[in-house]
């Protein structure tokens, strides 16, 4: 079992930056990949970015390419999402979740962290 705790959200202005953290605990050796998702009010949850637990590959949704960077601190079992040049459209609750094998559904969802970008 894996537990995930997100942090780092907040209220910022358009063009500002934030760094989200997702700290993993428990059976972290069983993780295959970790991803960030977000859900805005009235919208479905959508994939933002992901990273293989080995760190070998990273993935981004088109709408964040060039603005967001995902990275991992192996010693802390923590994955970061550096978000630059934030836009009001990035306003959402951001969640992290894990896969335990390729092509499996993501699970072990964290509680989420709110990101609000004002214009």
Protein backbone atom coordinates (compact mmCIF):
# COMPACT_ATOMS: atom_id res chain seq x y z
CA UNK A 1 0.00 0.00 0.00
CA UNK A 2 1.16 3.51 -0.84
CA UNK A 3 0.10 6.79 0.72
CA UNK A 4 0.44 10.09 -1.15
CA UNK A 5 0.37 13.59 0.30
CA UNK A 6 0.29 16.65 -1.96
CA UNK A 7 1.37 20.12 -0.93
CA UNK A 8 2.44 23.42 -2.40
CA UNK A 9 -0.77 24.80 -3.82
CA UNK A 10 -1.86 28.38 -3.34
CA UNK A 11 -3.24 31.57 -4.81
CA UNK A 12 -0.99 33.26 -7.36
CA UNK A 13 -1.26 35.72 -10.20
CA UNK A 14 -1.01 34.89 -13.90
CA UNK A 15 2.62 34.49 -14.90
CA UNK A 16 3.73 33.37 -11.43
CA UNK A 17 5.22 30.02 -10.48
CA UNK A 18 4.42 27.30 -7.95
CA UNK A 19 6.05 24.01 -7.05
CA UNK A 20 3.80 21.17 -6.01
CA UNK A 21 5.11 18.22 -4.03
CA UNK A 22 3.78 14.68 -3.80
CA UNK A 23 5.36 12.71 -0.97
CA UNK A 24 4.98 8.94 -1.19
CA UNK A 25 5.21 6.54 1.75
CA UNK A 26 4.55 2.88 2.36
CA UNK A 27 5.45 0.27 -0.24
CA UNK A 28 7.13 2.74 -2.59
CA UNK A 29 9.31 0.02 -4.12
CA UNK A 30 6.16 -1.32 -5.79
CA UNK A 31 5.47 1.93 -7.68
CA UNK A 32 5.83 1.84 -11.45
CA UNK A 33 4.91 5.45 -12.20
CA UNK A 34 3.50 8.55 -10.55
CA UNK A 35 1.38 11.17 -12.24
CA UNK A 36 -0.23 14.50 -11.56
CA UNK A 37 -3.83 15.10 -12.52
CA UNK A 38 -6.05 18.11 -12.06
CA UNK A 39 -9.74 18.80 -11.82
CA UNK A 40 -11.30 22.20 -12.33
CA UNK A 41 -14.84 22.99 -11.14
CA UNK A 42 -17.40 21.44 -13.45
CA UNK A 43 -14.78 19.64 -15.49
CA UNK A 44 -13.48 16.09 -15.59
CA UNK A 45 -10.17 15.16 -14.06
CA UNK A 46 -7.34 15.34 -16.60
CA UNK A 47 -3.78 14.11 -16.83
CA UNK A 48 -1.10 16.78 -16.39
CA UNK A 49 2.27 15.06 -16.15
CA UNK A 50 3.83 11.75 -15.18
CA UNK A 51 7.15 10.16 -14.39
CA UNK A 52 8.35 6.59 -14.22
CA UNK A 53 9.42 5.78 -10.68
CA UNK A 54 12.84 4.92 -12.10
CA UNK A 55 12.98 8.48 -13.43
CA UNK A 56 13.77 7.20 -16.91
CA UNK A 57 10.84 8.88 -18.64
CA UNK A 58 8.62 11.88 -18.15
CA UNK A 59 5.31 12.70 -19.80
CA UNK A 60 3.35 15.92 -20.24
CA UNK A 61 -0.04 16.97 -21.47
CA UNK A 62 0.22 19.30 -24.45
CA UNK A 63 -1.27 22.19 -22.53
CA UNK A 64 1.63 22.26 -20.04
CA UNK A 65 4.59 21.47 -22.28
CA UNK A 66 7.25 24.13 -21.91
CA UNK A 67 5.69 25.48 -18.70
CA UNK A 68 5.62 22.57 -16.23
CA UNK A 69 8.48 20.27 -15.25
CA UNK A 70 8.14 17.03 -13.29
CA UNK A 71 11.03 15.68 -11.27
CA UNK A 72 11.72 13.17 -8.51
CA UNK A 73 13.85 13.17 -5.38
CA UNK A 74 14.74 9.53 -4.83
CA UNK A 75 16.00 10.06 -1.29
CA UNK A 76 12.72 11.66 -0.23
CA UNK A 77 10.36 9.54 -2.38
CA UNK A 78 8.89 12.83 -3.47
CA UNK A 79 7.81 13.97 -6.92
CA UNK A 80 7.69 17.65 -7.74
CA UNK A 81 5.72 19.56 -10.32
CA UNK A 82 7.33 22.89 -11.09
CA UNK A 83 4.71 25.11 -12.69
CA UNK A 84 5.87 28.27 -14.43
CA UNK A 85 3.99 30.95 -16.32
CA UNK A 86 0.74 29.93 -14.69
CA UNK A 87 -2.52 30.86 -16.37
CA UNK A 88 -6.03 31.26 -15.00
CA UNK A 89 -6.92 28.10 -16.95
CA UNK A 90 -4.52 26.19 -14.67
CA UNK A 91 -6.84 26.81 -11.72
CA UNK A 92 -7.82 23.41 -10.34
CA UNK A 93 -7.31 20.92 -7.57
CA UNK A 94 -4.14 18.99 -8.34
CA UNK A 95 -3.87 15.34 -7.35
CA UNK A 96 -1.10 12.78 -7.56
CA UNK A 97 -1.63 9.07 -8.05
CA UNK A 98 0.47 5.98 -8.78
CA UNK A 99 0.54 3.00 -11.06
CA UNK A 100 1.91 -0.30 -9.85
CA UNK A 101 2.38 -1.66 -13.38
CA UNK A 102 2.21 -0.35 -16.92
CA UNK A 103 -1.31 -0.06 -18.37
CA UNK A 104 -2.93 -0.31 -14.93
CA UNK A 105 -5.28 2.34 -13.66
CA UNK A 106 -3.86 4.99 -11.37
CA UNK A 107 -4.74 4.68 -7.70
CA UNK A 108 -3.79 5.59 -4.16
CA UNK A 109 -4.95 9.13 -4.82
CA UNK A 110 -3.79 11.92 -2.54
CA UNK A 111 -6.16 14.45 -0.99
CA UNK A 112 -5.31 17.13 -3.55
CA UNK A 113 -3.94 20.64 -3.34
CA UNK A 114 -5.75 23.72 -4.64
CA UNK A 115 -4.07 25.95 -7.21
CA UNK A 116 -5.80 29.22 -8.00
CA UNK A 117 -4.42 31.58 -10.63
CA UNK A 118 -5.90 35.05 -10.81
CA UNK A 119 -5.78 37.20 -13.93
